Protein backbone atom coordinates (compact mmCIF):
# COMPACT_ATOMS: atom_id res chain seq x y z
CA MET A 1 -17.40 8.61 -7.52
CA SER A 2 -19.22 10.29 -4.72
CA ALA A 3 -17.49 11.78 -1.73
CA VAL A 4 -18.54 10.11 1.56
CA VAL A 5 -17.05 12.56 4.07
CA THR A 6 -17.87 16.21 4.64
CA PRO A 7 -15.29 18.95 3.95
CA ASP A 8 -14.80 19.40 7.63
CA SER A 9 -13.87 15.67 7.99
CA ALA A 10 -11.45 15.97 5.16
CA LEU A 11 -9.85 18.89 6.78
CA GLU A 12 -9.50 16.88 10.04
CA LEU A 13 -7.79 14.12 8.05
CA SER A 14 -5.31 16.66 6.61
CA HIS A 15 -4.52 17.93 10.12
CA TRP A 16 -4.20 14.29 11.52
CA MET A 17 -1.87 13.34 8.68
CA GLN A 18 0.75 15.91 9.35
CA GLN A 19 2.47 14.39 12.28
CA PRO A 20 2.32 10.72 11.07
CA LEU A 21 3.64 11.68 7.66
CA ALA A 22 6.50 13.69 9.21
CA ASP A 23 7.42 10.83 11.49
CA VAL A 24 7.47 8.27 8.58
CA GLU A 25 9.53 10.51 6.31
CA GLN A 26 12.01 11.21 9.08
CA ALA A 27 12.35 7.50 9.90
CA LEU A 28 12.64 6.46 6.36
CA SER A 29 15.40 9.03 5.66
CA ARG A 30 17.16 7.84 8.74
CA TRP A 31 17.01 4.12 7.95
CA VAL A 32 16.97 3.67 4.12
CA GLY A 33 20.26 2.98 2.32
CA VAL A 34 22.54 4.05 5.11
CA GLY A 35 25.86 2.43 4.69
CA ALA A 36 24.98 0.52 1.55
CA PRO A 37 27.97 0.21 -0.84
CA ALA A 38 28.57 0.98 -4.53
CA GLN A 39 25.65 3.41 -5.26
CA LEU A 40 23.18 0.84 -3.90
CA GLY A 41 22.10 3.13 -1.04
CA GLU A 42 21.48 5.97 -3.57
CA ALA A 43 19.27 3.80 -5.66
CA MET A 44 17.31 2.65 -2.46
CA ARG A 45 16.71 6.15 -1.34
CA TYR A 46 15.79 7.28 -4.80
CA ALA A 47 13.07 4.56 -4.85
CA VAL A 48 11.70 5.46 -1.44
CA LEU A 49 12.14 9.12 -0.63
CA ASP A 50 10.70 12.25 -2.14
CA GLY A 51 7.46 10.79 -3.44
CA GLY A 52 4.54 8.49 -2.85
CA LYS A 53 1.13 8.91 -1.14
CA ARG A 54 2.30 6.88 2.01
CA LEU A 55 -1.18 5.37 2.22
CA ARG A 56 0.07 1.99 3.65
CA PRO A 57 2.09 3.62 6.50
CA LEU A 58 -0.92 5.86 7.31
CA LEU A 59 -3.18 2.79 7.47
CA VAL A 60 -0.70 1.08 9.90
CA LEU A 61 -0.60 4.20 12.14
CA ALA A 62 -4.27 4.83 11.99
CA ALA A 63 -5.15 1.19 12.89
CA SER A 64 -2.59 1.22 15.67
CA GLU A 65 -4.01 4.43 17.07
CA ALA A 66 -7.58 3.05 16.96
CA VAL A 67 -6.54 0.00 19.05
CA GLY A 68 -4.12 1.94 21.43
CA GLY A 69 -1.01 0.24 19.94
CA LEU A 70 2.69 0.71 20.86
CA ARG A 71 3.93 3.67 18.93
CA GLU A 72 7.35 2.39 18.18
CA ALA A 73 6.04 -0.85 16.86
CA ALA A 74 3.61 0.95 14.64
CA LEU A 75 6.20 3.29 13.22
CA ARG A 76 8.61 0.43 12.39
CA ALA A 77 5.71 -1.53 10.80
CA ALA A 78 4.64 1.63 8.83
CA CYS A 79 8.11 2.05 7.35
CA ALA A 80 8.49 -1.68 6.67
CA VAL A 81 5.32 -1.88 4.70
CA GLU A 82 6.31 1.26 2.59
CA LEU A 83 9.63 -0.47 1.83
CA ILE A 84 7.88 -3.58 0.55
CA HIS A 85 5.61 -1.35 -1.51
CA ALA A 86 8.58 0.53 -2.88
CA TYR A 87 10.51 -2.60 -3.73
CA SER A 88 7.51 -4.00 -5.57
CA LEU A 89 7.23 -0.83 -7.73
CA VAL A 90 10.96 -0.94 -8.56
CA HIS A 91 10.66 -4.56 -9.80
CA ASP A 92 7.28 -4.00 -11.46
CA ASP A 93 8.59 -1.12 -13.62
CA MET A 94 11.48 -3.19 -14.94
CA PRO A 95 11.54 -4.32 -18.63
CA CYS A 96 10.81 -7.99 -17.64
CA MET A 97 7.60 -6.82 -15.95
CA ASP A 98 5.65 -3.68 -16.99
CA ASN A 99 8.60 -1.99 -18.65
CA ASP A 100 7.69 1.52 -17.51
CA VAL A 101 9.89 4.62 -17.50
CA LEU A 102 7.96 6.97 -15.24
CA ARG A 103 7.11 6.53 -11.49
CA ARG A 104 6.17 9.23 -8.97
CA GLY A 105 6.83 11.91 -11.59
CA LYS A 106 10.43 10.91 -12.16
CA PRO A 107 12.37 8.29 -14.20
CA THR A 108 11.96 4.83 -12.82
CA VAL A 109 14.84 3.32 -10.91
CA HIS A 110 16.10 1.06 -13.71
CA VAL A 111 16.07 4.03 -16.10
CA GLN A 112 18.06 6.09 -13.56
CA PHE A 113 20.50 3.52 -12.32
CA GLY A 114 20.43 0.56 -14.68
CA GLU A 115 18.56 -2.77 -14.49
CA ALA A 116 21.05 -4.64 -12.28
CA GLN A 117 21.18 -1.84 -9.65
CA ALA A 118 17.40 -1.52 -9.72
CA LEU A 119 17.07 -5.31 -9.09
CA LEU A 120 19.48 -5.19 -6.18
CA ALA A 121 17.81 -2.05 -4.69
CA GLY A 122 14.44 -3.89 -4.75
CA ASP A 123 16.09 -6.91 -3.01
CA ALA A 124 17.67 -4.72 -0.39
CA LEU A 125 14.56 -2.77 0.33
CA GLN A 126 12.58 -6.03 0.89
CA ALA A 127 15.24 -7.30 3.34
CA LEU A 128 15.42 -3.95 5.19
CA ALA A 129 11.73 -4.08 5.82
CA PHE A 130 12.02 -7.19 8.01
CA GLU A 131 15.25 -5.80 9.52
CA LEU A 132 13.26 -2.81 10.71
CA ILE A 133 10.49 -4.94 12.24
CA ALA A 134 12.96 -7.32 13.99
CA PRO A 135 16.09 -5.22 14.60
CA ALA A 136 19.38 -6.60 15.73
CA ALA A 137 19.96 -7.38 19.35
CA ASP A 138 22.38 -4.46 19.80
CA GLU A 139 19.68 -1.97 18.55
CA PRO A 140 17.62 -0.83 21.46
CA THR A 141 13.84 -1.32 21.00
CA GLN A 142 10.76 -1.45 23.22
CA VAL A 143 8.91 -3.70 20.88
CA PRO A 144 8.17 -7.13 22.46
CA VAL A 145 9.65 -10.10 20.63
CA ALA A 146 6.17 -11.63 20.18
CA THR A 147 4.98 -8.48 18.48
CA GLN A 148 7.97 -8.39 16.15
CA ALA A 149 7.24 -12.06 15.19
CA ARG A 150 3.60 -11.28 14.56
CA LEU A 151 4.36 -8.24 12.38
CA CYS A 152 6.92 -10.25 10.34
CA SER A 153 4.42 -13.00 9.77
CA LEU A 154 1.72 -10.55 8.64
CA LEU A 155 4.03 -8.69 6.27
CA ALA A 156 5.46 -11.89 4.74
CA ARG A 157 2.06 -13.31 4.05
CA ALA A 158 0.82 -9.98 2.51
CA ALA A 159 3.94 -9.65 0.28
CA GLY A 160 4.44 -13.32 -0.76
CA ALA A 161 2.88 -16.02 -2.98
CA ARG A 162 -0.47 -15.84 -1.09
CA GLY A 163 -0.50 -11.98 -1.43
CA MET A 164 1.22 -9.38 -3.61
CA ALA A 165 3.59 -11.59 -5.53
CA GLY A 166 0.89 -14.14 -6.18
CA GLY A 167 -1.35 -11.50 -7.63
CA GLN A 168 1.41 -10.05 -9.80
CA ALA A 169 1.94 -13.58 -11.12
CA ILE A 170 -1.85 -13.81 -12.00
CA ASP A 171 -1.59 -10.44 -13.54
CA LEU A 172 1.28 -11.32 -15.93
CA ALA A 173 -0.48 -14.60 -16.92
CA SER A 174 -3.70 -12.69 -17.60
CA VAL A 175 -2.46 -10.33 -20.32
CA GLY A 176 -4.79 -10.62 -23.42
CA LEU A 177 -7.33 -12.83 -21.46
CA GLN A 178 -10.85 -11.80 -20.56
CA LEU A 179 -11.34 -12.64 -16.83
CA THR A 180 -14.63 -12.97 -15.00
CA GLU A 181 -15.49 -10.52 -12.21
CA ASP A 182 -14.61 -13.18 -9.61
CA GLN A 183 -11.21 -13.83 -11.30
CA LEU A 184 -10.43 -10.11 -11.57
CA ARG A 185 -11.43 -9.54 -7.93
CA GLN A 186 -9.21 -12.43 -6.78
CA MET A 187 -6.25 -11.15 -8.70
CA HIS A 188 -6.58 -7.71 -7.30
CA ARG A 189 -7.28 -8.85 -3.75
CA LEU A 190 -3.84 -10.40 -3.90
CA LYS A 191 -1.89 -7.99 -6.01
CA THR A 192 -3.01 -4.77 -4.43
CA GLY A 193 -5.34 -5.55 -1.67
CA ALA A 194 -3.27 -7.98 0.33
CA LEU A 195 -0.63 -5.26 1.28
CA LEU A 196 -3.33 -2.71 2.13
CA GLU A 197 -5.29 -5.10 4.29
CA GLY A 198 -1.92 -6.29 5.76
CA SER A 199 -1.14 -2.69 6.73
CA VAL A 200 -4.39 -2.46 8.69
CA LEU A 201 -3.77 -5.81 10.50
CA MET A 202 -0.14 -4.84 11.27
CA GLY A 203 -1.38 -1.68 12.96
CA ALA A 204 -3.91 -3.75 14.91
CA ALA A 205 -1.11 -6.18 15.92
CA CYS A 206 0.56 -3.44 17.86
CA ALA A 207 -1.88 -4.02 20.70
CA TRP A 208 -4.15 -6.71 21.95
CA VAL A 209 -7.56 -6.54 20.19
CA SER A 210 -10.65 -8.77 20.40
CA ASP A 211 -11.42 -11.27 17.67
CA THR A 212 -14.46 -9.19 16.66
CA ALA A 213 -12.41 -6.05 16.24
CA ARG A 214 -9.67 -7.87 14.27
CA ALA A 215 -12.19 -9.45 11.94
CA ALA A 216 -13.86 -6.07 11.35
CA LEU A 217 -10.55 -4.43 10.62
CA ALA A 218 -9.61 -7.20 8.20
CA ALA A 219 -12.91 -6.66 6.36
CA TYR A 220 -12.30 -2.91 6.34
CA GLY A 221 -8.80 -3.51 4.86
CA ALA A 222 -10.09 -6.01 2.24
CA ALA A 223 -12.81 -3.54 0.99
CA LEU A 224 -10.41 -0.60 1.01
CA GLY A 225 -7.65 -2.64 -0.85
CA LEU A 226 -10.07 -3.57 -3.63
CA ALA A 227 -11.48 -0.04 -3.79
CA PHE A 228 -7.95 1.28 -4.28
CA GLN A 229 -7.44 -0.94 -7.39
CA VAL A 230 -10.82 -0.12 -8.78
CA VAL A 231 -10.06 3.58 -8.49
CA ASP A 232 -6.54 2.85 -10.02
CA ASP A 233 -8.20 1.29 -13.06
CA ILE A 234 -10.54 4.38 -13.36
CA LEU A 235 -7.68 6.94 -13.17
CA ASP A 236 -5.63 4.95 -15.64
CA VAL A 237 -8.46 5.95 -18.16
CA VAL A 238 -9.43 9.40 -17.09
CA ALA A 239 -6.27 10.97 -15.77
CA ASP A 240 -3.11 12.09 -17.55
CA SER A 241 0.44 11.05 -16.89
CA ALA A 242 1.42 14.33 -15.31
CA THR A 243 -1.40 14.02 -12.74
CA LEU A 244 -0.70 10.30 -12.04
CA GLY A 245 3.01 10.62 -11.91
CA LYS A 246 3.18 7.46 -14.03
CA THR A 247 2.25 6.48 -17.51
CA ALA A 248 -1.55 6.79 -18.12
CA GLY A 249 -3.35 4.40 -20.36
CA LYS A 250 -0.82 1.61 -19.75
CA ASP A 251 -3.34 -1.14 -18.91
CA ALA A 252 -5.31 -0.73 -22.09
CA ALA A 253 -2.06 -0.46 -24.21
CA ASN A 254 -0.89 -3.73 -22.60
CA ASP A 255 -4.24 -5.36 -23.03
CA LYS A 256 -4.57 -6.10 -19.31
CA PRO A 257 -7.95 -6.93 -17.67
CA THR A 258 -9.29 -3.98 -15.68
CA TYR A 259 -12.61 -3.16 -13.87
CA VAL A 260 -13.25 -0.35 -16.46
CA ALA A 261 -12.91 -2.92 -19.27
CA LEU A 262 -15.21 -5.30 -17.37
CA LEU A 263 -17.83 -3.03 -15.95
CA GLY A 264 -17.53 0.17 -17.89
CA LEU A 265 -16.47 3.55 -16.39
CA ASP A 266 -19.81 4.17 -14.63
CA GLY A 267 -19.96 0.57 -13.45
CA ALA A 268 -16.45 0.79 -12.02
CA ARG A 269 -17.20 4.04 -10.18
CA ALA A 270 -20.38 2.65 -8.62
CA TYR A 271 -18.47 -0.47 -7.51
CA ALA A 272 -15.77 1.73 -5.85
CA ASP A 273 -18.57 3.44 -3.97
CA ARG A 274 -20.05 0.20 -2.79
CA LEU A 275 -16.65 -0.93 -1.57
CA ALA A 276 -16.27 2.36 0.40
CA ALA A 277 -19.63 1.68 1.98
CA GLU A 278 -18.45 -1.78 2.97
CA ALA A 279 -15.35 -0.37 4.62
CA HIS A 280 -17.35 2.02 6.71
CA ALA A 281 -19.72 -0.71 7.71
CA ALA A 282 -16.83 -2.86 8.76
CA LEU A 283 -15.54 -0.05 10.97
CA ALA A 284 -19.00 0.51 12.49
CA ARG A 285 -19.06 -3.10 13.70
CA SER A 286 -15.58 -3.09 15.10
CA GLY A 287 -16.51 -1.96 18.53
CA LEU A 288 -13.47 0.42 18.57
CA ALA A 289 -13.94 3.83 20.13
CA ASP A 290 -12.41 6.00 17.49
CA THR A 291 -11.89 4.88 13.86
CA ARG A 292 -12.23 8.39 12.30
CA ALA A 293 -8.79 8.37 10.70
CA LEU A 294 -9.44 4.92 9.18
CA ALA A 295 -12.84 6.12 7.80
CA ALA A 296 -11.29 9.28 6.40
CA LEU A 297 -8.51 7.35 4.75
CA ALA A 298 -11.06 5.00 3.05
CA ASP A 299 -12.84 8.24 1.71
CA GLN A 300 -9.62 9.61 0.51
CA VAL A 301 -8.91 6.47 -1.47
CA ILE A 302 -12.17 6.84 -3.37
CA ARG A 303 -11.78 10.68 -3.97
CA ARG A 304 -8.06 10.66 -4.93
CA SER A 305 -7.00 12.05 -8.38
CA HIS A 306 -3.66 10.16 -8.52
């Protein structure tokens, strides 16, 4: 996979990321699992804190920055989408789904806390995501109610049957089957892409944007979301478990359809590069003044090693 940005641009992204990542980590630590009974809070915090690339929160914050969005709304949305992602991983790792024992370089939640506690931790993280976006009346917030409603709608759609959960259902039903490229693309647009595209759209929803800009950001998010999955399929083949922080080679072992199986390793790499180019082209037609952080995040998705 070729790098699209220069070293200077990558260094700028590293600098840009420092404050957003610090803000997200501080907010997650402040909000996740506080007051939850009977070891539930501990399991929730174990699932969320001390690990993860935080790509989805960074996309929310970068998109919000590009449109001049309300910072509090963006931070709440960024944490909410990370909680949905974390809950999906907790459930996905359980024996009834992918039955994995390693996530983010440590034992999965059901291995550490038991299956029942893992199930409840995932449920609680999903609920907390929407609580963060639409806080209780006695919790002071500057986020307009209309913005809260829009963010809830975007997140629900991205996570539900027309998004992530629907894609996971297709994934489970496709084990051992040979999918066409169109079928594989549709599965991954839902399973992985919907939440990444939703992250971009949630960031954009933190301010008023033109229809042209919104459509361009949606196209950017869709291309980036699919590219992320293509790279995931590649890394499952070429990287080891220590680098990935999860079990390598799991897709092939479980006879799951992947882009590497369909297109070959070189074909999958070429497809990832084409998707990155699509993401950049979408940003170029957005009409927004500064999309450098979004562009650099797309390049980071293509170049990542885990």
